[in-house]
């Protein structure tokens, strides 16, 4: 079996993350109006992260790739933000979303590192 390229590996990883976020929303975000609203924002940013990473891997130039990666970083940071709001407002037990939050933080760190290396 051949090893996946960087782009293939992270396309799968970000898509898997988006699916986990969709499932989290479906399972837990219908409990209150506040959670529905914040959950929708989280759903948008987390799925956008995956879609824009895919666009990053298909970029036609380094400038286009860098621009898409900046969007991916913004969406990753926003996803973490919405999860922090859910946590701090105590809208959902943390055990329901800690796994997804940890994955979001991991992706944020990885994407931030990639962007820093591309800058240099």
PDB file of N, CA and C in Angstrom:
ATOM      1  N   UNK A   1       0.848  -1.190   0.000  1.00  0.00           N
ATOM      2  CA  UNK A   1       0.000   0.000   0.000  1.00  0.00           C
ATOM      3  C   UNK A   1       0.888   1.245   0.000  1.00  0.00           C
ATOM      4  N   UNK A   2       0.557   2.206  -0.852  1.00  0.00           N
ATOM      5  CA  UNK A   2       1.356   3.425  -0.930  1.00  0.00           C
ATOM      6  C   UNK A   2       0.966   4.388   0.171  1.00  0.00           C
ATOM      7  N   UNK A   3       1.966   5.131   0.602  1.00  0.00           N
ATOM      8  CA  UNK A   3       1.723   6.112   1.647  1.00  0.00           C
ATOM      9  C   UNK A   3       1.036   7.340   1.040  1.00  0.00           C
ATOM     10  N   UNK A   4       0.119   7.911   1.794  1.00  0.00           N
ATOM     11  CA  UNK A   4      -0.613   9.089   1.321  1.00  0.00           C
ATOM     12  C   UNK A   4       0.300  10.303   1.297  1.00  0.00           C
ATOM     13  N   UNK A   5       0.071  11.191   0.337  1.00  0.00           N
ATOM     14  CA  UNK A   5       0.796  12.455   0.310  1.00  0.00           C
ATOM     15  C   UNK A   5       0.282  13.338   1.440  1.00  0.00           C
ATOM     16  N   UNK A   6       1.007  14.397   1.696  1.00  0.00           N
ATOM     17  CA  UNK A   6       0.590  15.350   2.729  1.00  0.00           C
ATOM     18  C   UNK A   6      -0.830  15.850   2.463  1.00  0.00           C
ATOM     19  N   UNK A   7      -1.079  16.280   1.231  1.00  0.00           N
ATOM     20  CA  UNK A   7      -2.400  16.816   0.879  1.00  0.00           C
ATOM     21  C   UNK A   7      -3.501  15.797   1.057  1.00  0.00           C
ATOM     22  N   UNK A   8      -3.249  14.565   0.598  1.00  0.00           N
ATOM     23  CA  UNK A   8      -4.255  13.502   0.743  1.00  0.00           C
ATOM     24  C   UNK A   8      -4.526  13.193   2.212  1.00  0.00           C
ATOM     25  N   UNK A   9      -3.454  13.118   2.977  1.00  0.00           N
ATOM     26  CA  UNK A   9      -3.573  12.803   4.407  1.00  0.00           C
ATOM     27  C   UNK A   9      -4.417  13.854   5.133  1.00  0.00           C
ATOM     28  N   UNK A  10      -4.127  15.131   4.876  1.00  0.00           N
ATOM     29  CA  UNK A  10      -4.858  16.179   5.592  1.00  0.00           C
ATOM     30  C   UNK A  10      -6.217  16.478   4.974  1.00  0.00           C
ATOM     31  N   UNK A  11      -6.406  16.161   3.700  1.00  0.00           N
ATOM     32  CA  UNK A  11      -7.762  16.220   3.146  1.00  0.00           C
ATOM     33  C   UNK A  11      -8.657  15.243   3.901  1.00  0.00           C
ATOM     34  N   UNK A  12      -8.157  14.026   4.084  1.00  0.00           N
ATOM     35  CA  UNK A  12      -8.927  13.024   4.842  1.00  0.00           C
ATOM     36  C   UNK A  12      -9.126  13.450   6.287  1.00  0.00           C
ATOM     37  N   UNK A  13      -8.069  13.966   6.896  1.00  0.00           N
ATOM     38  CA  UNK A  13      -8.154  14.348   8.312  1.00  0.00           C
ATOM     39  C   UNK A  13      -9.136  15.500   8.521  1.00  0.00           C
ATOM     40  N   UNK A  14      -9.096  16.503   7.660  1.00  0.00           N
ATOM     41  CA  UNK A  14     -10.008  17.633   7.840  1.00  0.00           C
ATOM     42  C   UNK A  14     -11.447  17.240   7.497  1.00  0.00           C
ATOM     43  N   UNK A  15     -11.613  16.342   6.517  1.00  0.00           N
ATOM     44  CA  UNK A  15     -12.961  15.873   6.200  1.00  0.00           C
ATOM     45  C   UNK A  15     -13.515  15.042   7.361  1.00  0.00           C
ATOM     46  N   UNK A  16     -12.678  14.180   7.935  1.00  0.00           N
ATOM     47  CA  UNK A  16     -13.096  13.382   9.088  1.00  0.00           C
ATOM     48  C   UNK A  16     -13.499  14.302  10.250  1.00  0.00           C
ATOM     49  N   UNK A  17     -12.718  15.369  10.452  1.00  0.00           N
ATOM     50  CA  UNK A  17     -13.045  16.348  11.483  1.00  0.00           C
ATOM     51  C   UNK A  17     -14.415  16.981  11.211  1.00  0.00           C
ATOM     52  N   UNK A  18     -14.666  17.352   9.955  1.00  0.00           N
ATOM     53  CA  UNK A  18     -15.953  17.959   9.598  1.00  0.00           C
ATOM     54  C   UNK A  18     -17.099  17.001   9.879  1.00  0.00           C
ATOM     55  N   UNK A  19     -16.922  15.734   9.554  1.00  0.00           N
ATOM     56  CA  UNK A  19     -17.964  14.733   9.814  1.00  0.00           C
ATOM     57  C   UNK A  19     -18.209  14.609  11.317  1.00  0.00           C
ATOM     58  N   UNK A  20     -17.143  14.586  12.110  1.00  0.00           N
ATOM     59  CA  UNK A  20     -17.298  14.515  13.570  1.00  0.00           C
ATOM     60  C   UNK A  20     -18.074  15.728  14.091  1.00  0.00           C
ATOM     61  N   UNK A  21     -17.814  16.894  13.505  1.00  0.00           N
ATOM     62  CA  UNK A  21     -18.514  18.111  13.919  1.00  0.00           C
ATOM     63  C   UNK A  21     -19.993  18.058  13.533  1.00  0.00           C
ATOM     64  N   UNK A  22     -20.279  17.542  12.353  1.00  0.00           N
ATOM     65  CA  UNK A  22     -21.675  17.379  11.926  1.00  0.00           C
ATOM     66  C   UNK A  22     -22.401  16.459  12.895  1.00  0.00           C
ATOM     67  N   UNK A  23     -21.780  15.345  13.230  1.00  0.00           N
ATOM     68  CA  UNK A  23     -22.403  14.380  14.146  1.00  0.00           C
ATOM     69  C   UNK A  23     -22.600  14.976  15.540  1.00  0.00           C
ATOM     70  N   UNK A  24     -21.627  15.769  15.994  1.00  0.00           N
ATOM     71  CA  UNK A  24     -21.765  16.452  17.281  1.00  0.00           C
ATOM     72  C   UNK A  24     -22.969  17.386  17.258  1.00  0.00           C
ATOM     73  N   UNK A  25     -23.087  18.154  16.185  1.00  0.00           N
ATOM     74  CA  UNK A  25     -24.210  19.079  16.056  1.00  0.00           C
ATOM     75  C   UNK A  25     -25.540  18.322  16.065  1.00  0.00           C
ATOM     76  N   UNK A  26     -25.638  17.299  15.240  1.00  0.00           N
ATOM     77  CA  UNK A  26     -26.885  16.538  15.120  1.00  0.00           C
ATOM     78  C   UNK A  26     -27.279  15.911  16.459  1.00  0.00           C
ATOM     79  N   UNK A  27     -26.295  15.413  17.176  1.00  0.00           N
ATOM     80  CA  UNK A  27     -26.579  14.683  18.415  1.00  0.00           C
ATOM     81  C   UNK A  27     -26.847  15.594  19.613  1.00  0.00           C
ATOM     82  N   UNK A  28     -26.189  16.764  19.653  1.00  0.00           N
ATOM     83  CA  UNK A  28     -26.220  17.536  20.904  1.00  0.00           C
ATOM     84  C   UNK A  28     -26.684  18.986  20.804  1.00  0.00           C
ATOM     85  N   UNK A  29     -26.869  19.523  19.625  1.00  0.00           N
ATOM     86  CA  UNK A  29     -27.095  20.970  19.530  1.00  0.00           C
ATOM     87  C   UNK A  29     -28.552  21.389  19.367  1.00  0.00           C
ATOM     88  N   UNK A  30     -29.470  20.515  19.606  1.00  0.00           N
ATOM     89  CA  UNK A  30     -30.884  20.872  19.508  1.00  0.00           C
ATOM     90  C   UNK A  30     -31.526  21.077  20.880  1.00  0.00           C
ATOM     91  N   UNK A  31     -30.700  21.145  21.914  1.00  0.00           N
ATOM     92  CA  UNK A  31     -31.229  21.178  23.273  1.00  0.00           C
ATOM     93  C   UNK A  31     -31.702  22.559  23.734  1.00  0.00           C
ATOM     94  N   UNK A  32     -31.166  23.616  23.134  1.00  0.00           N
ATOM     95  CA  UNK A  32     -31.592  24.973  23.497  1.00  0.00           C
ATOM     96  C   UNK A  32     -31.375  25.883  22.292  1.00  0.00           C
ATOM     97  N   UNK A  33     -32.058  27.013  22.295  1.00  0.00           N
ATOM     98  CA  UNK A  33     -31.914  27.972  21.193  1.00  0.00           C
ATOM     99  C   UNK A  33     -30.482  28.498  21.120  1.00  0.00           C
ATOM    100  N   UNK A  34     -29.883  28.775  22.272  1.00  0.00           N
ATOM    101  CA  UNK A  34     -28.505  29.282  22.300  1.00  0.00           C
ATOM    102  C   UNK A  34     -27.549  28.263  21.672  1.00  0.00           C
ATOM    103  N   UNK A  35     -27.719  27.019  22.056  1.00  0.00           N
ATOM    104  CA  UNK A  35     -26.851  25.963  21.537  1.00  0.00           C
ATOM    105  C   UNK A  35     -27.070  25.747  20.039  1.00  0.00           C
ATOM    106  N   UNK A  36     -28.298  25.870  19.595  1.00  0.00           N
ATOM    107  CA  UNK A  36     -28.581  25.752  18.158  1.00  0.00           C
ATOM    108  C   UNK A  36     -27.870  26.852  17.371  1.00  0.00           C
ATOM    109  N   UNK A  37     -27.933  28.073  17.866  1.00  0.00           N
ATOM    110  CA  UNK A  37     -27.324  29.213  17.168  1.00  0.00           C
ATOM    111  C   UNK A  37     -25.808  29.071  17.129  1.00  0.00           C
ATOM    112  N   UNK A  38     -25.205  28.835  18.275  1.00  0.00           N
ATOM    113  CA  UNK A  38     -23.749  28.693  18.333  1.00  0.00           C
ATOM    114  C   UNK A  38     -23.328  27.429  17.582  1.00  0.00           C
ATOM    115  N   UNK A  39     -24.109  26.373  17.714  1.00  0.00           N
ATOM    116  CA  UNK A  39     -23.811  25.127  17.018  1.00  0.00           C
ATOM    117  C   UNK A  39     -23.791  25.306  15.510  1.00  0.00           C
ATOM    118  N   UNK A  40     -24.705  26.112  14.987  1.00  0.00           N
ATOM    119  CA  UNK A  40     -24.727  26.372  13.538  1.00  0.00           C
ATOM    120  C   UNK A  40     -23.462  27.110  13.100  1.00  0.00           C
ATOM    121  N   UNK A  41     -23.055  28.071  13.909  1.00  0.00           N
ATOM    122  CA  UNK A  41     -21.823  28.808  13.597  1.00  0.00           C
ATOM    123  C   UNK A  41     -20.629  27.853  13.600  1.00  0.00           C
ATOM    124  N   UNK A  42     -20.586  26.993  14.607  1.00  0.00           N
ATOM    125  CA  UNK A  42     -19.522  25.993  14.705  1.00  0.00           C
ATOM    126  C   UNK A  42     -19.557  25.056  13.503  1.00  0.00           C
ATOM    127  N   UNK A  43     -20.741  24.637  13.127  1.00  0.00           N
ATOM    128  CA  UNK A  43     -20.897  23.738  11.985  1.00  0.00           C
ATOM    129  C   UNK A  43     -20.374  24.392  10.706  1.00  0.00           C
ATOM    130  N   UNK A  44     -20.693  25.657  10.513  1.00  0.00           N
ATOM    131  CA  UNK A  44     -20.217  26.377   9.323  1.00  0.00           C
ATOM    132  C   UNK A  44     -18.696  26.474   9.289  1.00  0.00           C
ATOM    133  N   UNK A  45     -18.098  26.869  10.418  1.00  0.00           N
ATOM    134  CA  UNK A  45     -16.641  27.048  10.424  1.00  0.00           C
ATOM    135  C   UNK A  45     -15.899  25.726  10.297  1.00  0.00           C
ATOM    136  N   UNK A  46     -16.385  24.689  10.948  1.00  0.00           N
ATOM    137  CA  UNK A  46     -15.683  23.410  10.903  1.00  0.00           C
ATOM    138  C   UNK A  46     -15.776  22.744   9.534  1.00  0.00           C
ATOM    139  N   UNK A  47     -16.905  22.857   8.872  1.00  0.00           N
ATOM    140  CA  UNK A  47     -17.017  22.275   7.531  1.00  0.00           C
ATOM    141  C   UNK A  47     -16.282  23.138   6.504  1.00  0.00           C
ATOM    142  N   UNK A  48     -16.258  24.439   6.726  1.00  0.00           N
ATOM    143  CA  UNK A  48     -15.513  25.336   5.849  1.00  0.00           C
ATOM    144  C   UNK A  48     -14.011  25.063   5.948  1.00  0.00           C
ATOM    145  N   UNK A  49     -13.556  24.714   7.124  1.00  0.00           N
ATOM    146  CA  UNK A  49     -12.148  24.352   7.327  1.00  0.00           C
ATOM    147  C   UNK A  49     -11.778  23.230   6.350  1.00  0.00           C
ATOM    148  N   UNK A  50     -12.584  22.181   6.309  1.00  0.00           N
ATOM    149  CA  UNK A  50     -12.303  21.034   5.440  1.00  0.00           C
ATOM    150  C   UNK A  50     -12.396  21.419   3.964  1.00  0.00           C
ATOM    151  N   UNK A  51     -13.411  22.172   3.602  1.00  0.00           N
ATOM    152  CA  UNK A  51     -13.588  22.561   2.194  1.00  0.00           C
ATOM    153  C   UNK A  51     -12.436  23.445   1.721  1.00  0.00           C
ATOM    154  N   UNK A  52     -12.013  24.365   2.562  1.00  0.00           N
ATOM    155  CA  UNK A  52     -10.922  25.258   2.166  1.00  0.00           C
ATOM    156  C   UNK A  52      -9.571  24.562   2.182  1.00  0.00           C
ATOM    157  N   UNK A  53      -9.397  23.551   3.030  1.00  0.00           N
ATOM    158  CA  UNK A  53      -8.151  22.791   2.963  1.00  0.00           C
ATOM    159  C   UNK A  53      -8.083  22.053   1.633  1.00  0.00           C
ATOM    160  N   UNK A  54      -9.198  21.513   1.216  1.00  0.00           N
ATOM    161  CA  UNK A  54      -9.259  20.843  -0.087  1.00  0.00           C
ATOM    162  C   UNK A  54      -8.892  21.827  -1.201  1.00  0.00           C
ATOM    163  N   UNK A  55      -9.430  23.038  -1.112  1.00  0.00           N
ATOM    164  CA  UNK A  55      -9.093  24.069  -2.104  1.00  0.00           C
ATOM    165  C   UNK A  55      -7.604  24.423  -2.040  1.00  0.00           C
ATOM    166  N   UNK A  56      -7.047  24.448  -0.850  1.00  0.00           N
ATOM    167  CA  UNK A  56      -5.608  24.705  -0.671  1.00  0.00           C
ATOM    168  C   UNK A  56      -4.785  23.680  -1.454  1.00  0.00           C
ATOM    169  N   UNK A  57      -5.158  22.410  -1.350  1.00  0.00           N
ATOM    170  CA  UNK A  57      -4.377  21.367  -2.031  1.00  0.00           C
ATOM    171  C   UNK A  57      -4.519  21.445  -3.549  1.00  0.00           C
ATOM    172  N   UNK A  58      -5.541  22.118  -4.024  1.00  0.00           N
ATOM    173  CA  UNK A  58      -5.756  22.239  -5.465  1.00  0.00           C
ATOM    174  C   UNK A  58      -5.331  23.610  -6.002  1.00  0.00           C
ATOM    175  N   UNK A  59      -4.702  24.407  -5.144  1.00  0.00           N
ATOM    176  CA  UNK A  59      -4.284  25.745  -5.545  1.00  0.00           C
ATOM    177  C   UNK A  59      -3.370  25.733  -6.755  1.00  0.00           C
ATOM    178  N   UNK A  60      -3.521  26.740  -7.614  1.00  0.00           N
ATOM    179  CA  UNK A  60      -2.758  26.804  -8.867  1.00  0.00           C
ATOM    180  C   UNK A  60      -1.412  27.489  -8.707  1.00  0.00           C
ATOM    181  N   UNK A  61      -1.272  28.273  -7.655  1.00  0.00           N
ATOM    182  CA  UNK A  61      -0.002  28.965  -7.428  1.00  0.00           C
ATOM    183  C   UNK A  61       0.270  28.981  -5.929  1.00  0.00           C
ATOM    184  N   UNK A  62       1.503  29.308  -5.588  1.00  0.00           N
ATOM    185  CA  UNK A  62       1.850  29.384  -4.165  1.00  0.00           C
ATOM    186  C   UNK A  62       1.058  30.498  -3.468  1.00  0.00           C
ATOM    187  N   UNK A  63       0.827  31.596  -4.172  1.00  0.00           N
ATOM    188  CA  UNK A  63       0.055  32.695  -3.591  1.00  0.00           C
ATOM    189  C   UNK A  63      -1.387  32.260  -3.320  1.00  0.00           C
ATOM    190  N   UNK A  64      -1.977  31.538  -4.266  1.00  0.00           N
ATOM    191  CA  UNK A  64      -3.347  31.054  -4.079  1.00  0.00           C
ATOM    192  C   UNK A  64      -3.405  30.047  -2.933  1.00  0.00           C
ATOM    193  N   UNK A  65      -2.427  29.163  -2.878  1.00  0.00           N
ATOM    194  CA  UNK A  65      -2.381  28.176  -1.793  1.00  0.00           C
ATOM    195  C   UNK A  65      -2.242  28.870  -0.438  1.00  0.00           C
ATOM    196  N   UNK A  66      -1.368  29.866  -0.367  1.00  0.00           N
ATOM    197  CA  UNK A  66      -1.172  30.579   0.890  1.00  0.00           C
ATOM    198  C   UNK A  66      -2.457  31.273   1.326  1.00  0.00           C
ATOM    199  N   UNK A  67      -3.139  31.887   0.377  1.00  0.00           N
ATOM    200  CA  UNK A  67      -4.399  32.561   0.673  1.00  0.00           C
ATOM    201  C   UNK A  67      -5.438  31.585   1.218  1.00  0.00           C
ATOM    202  N   UNK A  68      -5.566  30.425   0.583  1.00  0.00           N
ATOM    203  CA  UNK A  68      -6.520  29.406   1.052  1.00  0.00           C
ATOM    204  C   UNK A  68      -6.127  28.894   2.430  1.00  0.00           C
ATOM    205  N   UNK A  69      -4.832  28.710   2.658  1.00  0.00           N
ATOM    206  CA  UNK A  69      -4.378  28.220   3.954  1.00  0.00           C
ATOM    207  C   UNK A  69      -4.691  29.231   5.061  1.00  0.00           C
ATOM    208  N   UNK A  70      -4.610  30.503   4.746  1.00  0.00           N
ATOM    209  CA  UNK A  70      -4.979  31.539   5.728  1.00  0.00           C
ATOM    210  C   UNK A  70      -6.457  31.417   6.096  1.00  0.00           C
ATOM    211  N   UNK A  71      -7.296  31.116   5.127  1.00  0.00           N
ATOM    212  CA  UNK A  71      -8.727  30.910   5.394  1.00  0.00           C
ATOM    213  C   UNK A  71      -8.917  29.675   6.266  1.00  0.00           C
ATOM    214  N   UNK A  72      -8.187  28.605   5.961  1.00  0.00           N
ATOM    215  CA  UNK A  72      -8.272  27.377   6.760  1.00  0.00           C
ATOM    216  C   UNK A  72      -7.907  27.681   8.214  1.00  0.00           C
ATOM    217  N   UNK A  73      -6.849  28.458   8.405  1.00  0.00           N
ATOM    218  CA  UNK A  73      -6.423  28.820   9.757  1.00  0.00           C
ATOM    219  C   UNK A  73      -7.502  29.624  10.480  1.00  0.00           C
ATOM    220  N   UNK A  74      -8.111  30.577   9.790  1.00  0.00           N
ATOM    221  CA  UNK A  74      -9.199  31.367  10.384  1.00  0.00           C
ATOM    222  C   UNK A  74     -10.371  30.476  10.794  1.00  0.00           C
ATOM    223  N   UNK A  75     -10.732  29.531   9.937  1.00  0.00           N
ATOM    224  CA  UNK A  75     -11.863  28.642  10.224  1.00  0.00           C
ATOM    225  C   UNK A  75     -11.534  27.696  11.378  1.00  0.00           C
ATOM    226  N   UNK A  76     -10.305  27.233  11.456  1.00  0.00           N
ATOM    227  CA  UNK A  76      -9.897  26.380  12.577  1.00  0.00           C
ATOM    228  C   UNK A  76      -9.976  27.156  13.885  1.00  0.00           C
ATOM    229  N   UNK A  77      -9.481  28.381  13.867  1.00  0.00           N
ATOM    230  CA  UNK A  77      -9.519  29.216  15.068  1.00  0.00           C
ATOM    231  C   UNK A  77     -10.959  29.528  15.459  1.00  0.00           C
ATOM    232  N   UNK A  78     -11.798  29.808  14.479  1.00  0.00           N
ATOM    233  CA  UNK A  78     -13.207  30.085  14.769  1.00  0.00           C
ATOM    234  C   UNK A  78     -13.899  28.847  15.344  1.00  0.00           C
ATOM    235  N   UNK A  79     -13.581  27.681  14.832  1.00  0.00           N
ATOM    236  CA  UNK A  79     -14.171  26.442  15.366  1.00  0.00           C
ATOM    237  C   UNK A  79     -13.822  26.263  16.830  1.00  0.00           C
ATOM    238  N   UNK A  80     -12.561  26.515  17.164  1.00  0.00           N
ATOM    239  CA  UNK A  80     -12.131  26.429  18.573  1.00  0.00           C
ATOM    240  C   UNK A  80     -12.888  27.469  19.402  1.00  0.00           C
ATOM    241  N   UNK A  81     -13.032  28.664  18.862  1.00  0.00           N
ATOM    242  CA  UNK A  81     -13.748  29.732  19.573  1.00  0.00           C
ATOM    243  C   UNK A  81     -15.172  29.311  19.941  1.00  0.00           C
ATOM    244  N   UNK A  82     -15.926  28.756  18.970  1.00  0.00           N
ATOM    245  CA  UNK A  82     -17.315  28.370  19.248  1.00  0.00           C
ATOM    246  C   UNK A  82     -17.372  27.276  20.308  1.00  0.00           C
ATOM    247  N   UNK A  83     -16.426  26.350  20.258  1.00  0.00           N
ATOM    248  CA  UNK A  83     -16.393  25.297  21.280  1.00  0.00           C
ATOM    249  C   UNK A  83     -16.059  25.873  22.654  1.00  0.00           C
ATOM    250  N   UNK A  84     -15.184  26.864  22.689  1.00  0.00           N
ATOM    251  CA  UNK A  84     -14.879  27.535  23.966  1.00  0.00           C
ATOM    252  C   UNK A  84     -16.113  28.247  24.514  1.00  0.00           C
ATOM    253  N   UNK A  85     -16.885  28.877  23.628  1.00  0.00           N
ATOM    254  CA  UNK A  85     -18.121  29.536  24.081  1.00  0.00           C
ATOM    255  C   UNK A  85     -19.107  28.528  24.663  1.00  0.00           C
ATOM    256  N   UNK A  86     -19.268  27.414  23.972  1.00  0.00           N
ATOM    257  CA  UNK A  86     -20.170  26.365  24.466  1.00  0.00           C
ATOM    258  C   UNK A  86     -19.710  25.895  25.842  1.00  0.00           C
ATOM    259  N   UNK A  87     -18.409  25.732  25.983  1.00  0.00           N
ATOM    260  CA  UNK A  87     -17.846  25.268  27.252  1.00  0.00           C
ATOM    261  C   UNK A  87     -18.011  26.309  28.359  1.00  0.00           C
ATOM    262  N   UNK A  88     -17.628  27.531  28.092  1.00  0.00           N
ATOM    263  CA  UNK A  88     -17.659  28.577  29.120  1.00  0.00           C
ATOM    264  C   UNK A  88     -19.076  28.975  29.504  1.00  0.00           C
ATOM    265  N   UNK A  89     -20.004  28.874  28.582  1.00  0.00           N
ATOM    266  CA  UNK A  89     -21.408  29.174  28.887  1.00  0.00           C
ATOM    267  C   UNK A  89     -22.130  27.955  29.476  1.00  0.00           C
ATOM    268  N   UNK A  90     -21.390  26.859  29.562  1.00  0.00           N
ATOM    269  CA  UNK A  90     -21.926  25.608  30.110  1.00  0.00           C
ATOM    270  C   UNK A  90     -23.218  25.179  29.409  1.00  0.00           C
ATOM    271  N   UNK A  91     -23.184  25.255  28.076  1.00  0.00           N
ATOM    272  CA  UNK A  91     -24.348  24.879  27.284  1.00  0.00           C
ATOM    273  C   UNK A  91     -24.422  23.376  27.024  1.00  0.00           C
ATOM    274  N   UNK A  92     -23.275  22.701  27.215  1.00  0.00           N
ATOM    275  CA  UNK A  92     -23.212  21.265  26.947  1.00  0.00           C
ATOM    276  C   UNK A  92     -22.125  20.674  27.843  1.00  0.00           C
ATOM    277  N   UNK A  93     -22.324  19.472  28.358  1.00  0.00           N
ATOM    278  CA  UNK A  93     -21.264  18.830  29.142  1.00  0.00           C
ATOM    279  C   UNK A  93     -19.995  18.669  28.293  1.00  0.00           C
ATOM    280  N   UNK A  94     -18.863  18.999  28.867  1.00  0.00           N
ATOM    281  CA  UNK A  94     -17.609  18.972  28.107  1.00  0.00           C
ATOM    282  C   UNK A  94     -17.271  17.590  27.567  1.00  0.00           C
ATOM    283  N   UNK A  95     -17.725  16.540  28.237  1.00  0.00           N
ATOM    284  CA  UNK A  95     -17.420  15.194  27.726  1.00  0.00           C
ATOM    285  C   UNK A  95     -18.088  14.940  26.366  1.00  0.00           C
ATOM    286  N   UNK A  96     -19.099  15.727  26.027  1.00  0.00           N
ATOM    287  CA  UNK A  96     -19.764  15.569  24.730  1.00  0.00           C
ATOM    288  C   UNK A  96     -18.934  16.131  23.574  1.00  0.00           C
ATOM    289  N   UNK A  97     -18.013  17.065  23.877  1.00  0.00           N
ATOM    290  CA  UNK A  97     -17.290  17.703  22.778  1.00  0.00           C
ATOM    291  C   UNK A  97     -15.777  17.817  22.984  1.00  0.00           C
ATOM    292  N   UNK A  98     -15.233  17.323  24.090  1.00  0.00           N
ATOM    293  CA  UNK A  98     -13.790  17.433  24.320  1.00  0.00           C
ATOM    294  C   UNK A  98     -12.961  16.800  23.208  1.00  0.00           C
ATOM    295  N   UNK A  99     -13.400  15.643  22.713  1.00  0.00           N
ATOM    296  CA  UNK A  99     -12.656  14.981  21.647  1.00  0.00           C
ATOM    297  C   UNK A  99     -12.572  15.880  20.410  1.00  0.00           C
ATOM    298  N   UNK A 100     -13.693  16.452  20.017  1.00  0.00           N
ATOM    299  CA  UNK A 100     -13.730  17.326  18.849  1.00  0.00           C
ATOM    300  C   UNK A 100     -12.921  18.599  19.111  1.00  0.00           C
ATOM    301  N   UNK A 101     -13.014  19.133  20.316  1.00  0.00           N
ATOM    302  CA  UNK A 101     -12.246  20.334  20.651  1.00  0.00           C
ATOM    303  C   UNK A 101     -10.750  20.053  20.560  1.00  0.00           C
ATOM    304  N   UNK A 102     -10.316  18.917  21.074  1.00  0.00           N
ATOM    305  CA  UNK A 102      -8.899  18.566  20.990  1.00  0.00           C
ATOM    306  C   UNK A 102      -8.448  18.410  19.545  1.00  0.00           C
ATOM    307  N   UNK A 103      -9.286  17.821  18.706  1.00  0.00           N
ATOM    308  CA  UNK A 103      -8.967  17.684  17.280  1.00  0.00           C
ATOM    309  C   UNK A 103      -8.883  19.060  16.614  1.00  0.00           C
ATOM    310  N   UNK A 104      -9.775  19.963  16.985  1.00  0.00           N
ATOM    311  CA  UNK A 104      -9.758  21.320  16.423  1.00  0.00           C
ATOM    312  C   UNK A 104      -8.472  22.051  16.819  1.00  0.00           C
ATOM    313  N   UNK A 105      -8.068  21.912  18.066  1.00  0.00           N
ATOM    314  CA  UNK A 105      -6.838  22.556  18.537  1.00  0.00           C
ATOM    315  C   UNK A 105      -5.618  21.965  17.827  1.00  0.00           C
ATOM    316  N   UNK A 106      -5.595  20.645  17.648  1.00  0.00           N
ATOM    317  CA  UNK A 106      -4.500  20.003  16.913  1.00  0.00           C
ATOM    318  C   UNK A 106      -4.409  20.555  15.496  1.00  0.00           C
ATOM    319  N   UNK A 107      -5.552  20.618  14.810  1.00  0.00           N
ATOM    320  CA  UNK A 107      -5.557  21.139  13.441  1.00  0.00           C
ATOM    321  C   UNK A 107      -5.115  22.600  13.409  1.00  0.00           C
ATOM    322  N   UNK A 108      -5.553  23.387  14.372  1.00  0.00           N
ATOM    323  CA  UNK A 108      -5.154  24.796  14.443  1.00  0.00           C
ATOM    324  C   UNK A 108      -3.630  24.916  14.560  1.00  0.00           C
ATOM    325  N   UNK A 109      -3.031  24.112  15.412  1.00  0.00           N
ATOM    326  CA  UNK A 109      -1.574  24.152  15.587  1.00  0.00           C
ATOM    327  C   UNK A 109      -0.846  23.703  14.327  1.00  0.00           C
ATOM    328  N   UNK A 110      -1.317  22.635  13.717  1.00  0.00           N
ATOM    329  CA  UNK A 110      -0.673  22.117  12.505  1.00  0.00           C
ATOM    330  C   UNK A 110      -0.766  23.136  11.373  1.00  0.00           C
ATOM    331  N   UNK A 111      -1.934  23.686  11.176  1.00  0.00           N
ATOM    332  CA  UNK A 111      -2.139  24.641  10.077  1.00  0.00           C
ATOM    333  C   UNK A 111      -1.349  25.916  10.315  1.00  0.00           C
ATOM    334  N   UNK A 112      -1.280  26.337  11.568  1.00  0.00           N
ATOM    335  CA  UNK A 112      -0.490  27.519  11.913  1.00  0.00           C
ATOM    336  C   UNK A 112       0.989  27.301  11.588  1.00  0.00           C
ATOM    337  N   UNK A 113       1.480  26.116  11.886  1.00  0.00           N
ATOM    338  CA  UNK A 113       2.877  25.782  11.587  1.00  0.00           C
ATOM    339  C   UNK A 113       3.115  25.762  10.079  1.00  0.00           C
ATOM    340  N   UNK A 114       2.202  25.162   9.345  1.00  0.00           N
ATOM    341  CA  UNK A 114       2.330  25.110   7.887  1.00  0.00           C
ATOM    342  C   UNK A 114       2.359  26.527   7.314  1.00  0.00           C
ATOM    343  N   UNK A 115       1.463  27.365   7.790  1.00  0.00           N
ATOM    344  CA  UNK A 115       1.407  28.744   7.289  1.00  0.00           C
ATOM    345  C   UNK A 115       2.705  29.482   7.594  1.00  0.00           C
ATOM    346  N   UNK A 116       3.231  29.304   8.799  1.00  0.00           N
ATOM    347  CA  UNK A 116       4.499  29.956   9.166  1.00  0.00           C
ATOM    348  C   UNK A 116       5.632  29.514   8.245  1.00  0.00           C
ATOM    349  N   UNK A 117       5.666  28.221   7.929  1.00  0.00           N
ATOM    350  CA  UNK A 117       6.719  27.707   7.027  1.00  0.00           C
ATOM    351  C   UNK A 117       6.535  28.227   5.621  1.00  0.00           C
ATOM    352  N   UNK A 118       5.279  28.371   5.179  1.00  0.00           N
ATOM    353  CA  UNK A 118       5.044  28.900   3.833  1.00  0.00           C
ATOM    354  C   UNK A 118       5.444  30.373   3.742  1.00  0.00           C
ATOM    355  N   UNK A 119       5.273  31.105   4.839  1.00  0.00           N
ATOM    356  CA  UNK A 119       5.629  32.521   4.864  1.00  0.00           C
ATOM    357  C   UNK A 119       7.119  32.708   4.625  1.00  0.00           C
ATOM    358  N   UNK A 120       7.888  31.805   5.230  1.00  0.00           N
ATOM    359  CA  UNK A 120       9.352  31.906   5.149  1.00  0.00           C
ATOM    360  C   UNK A 120       9.836  31.288   3.896  1.00  0.00           C
TER     361      UNK A 120
END
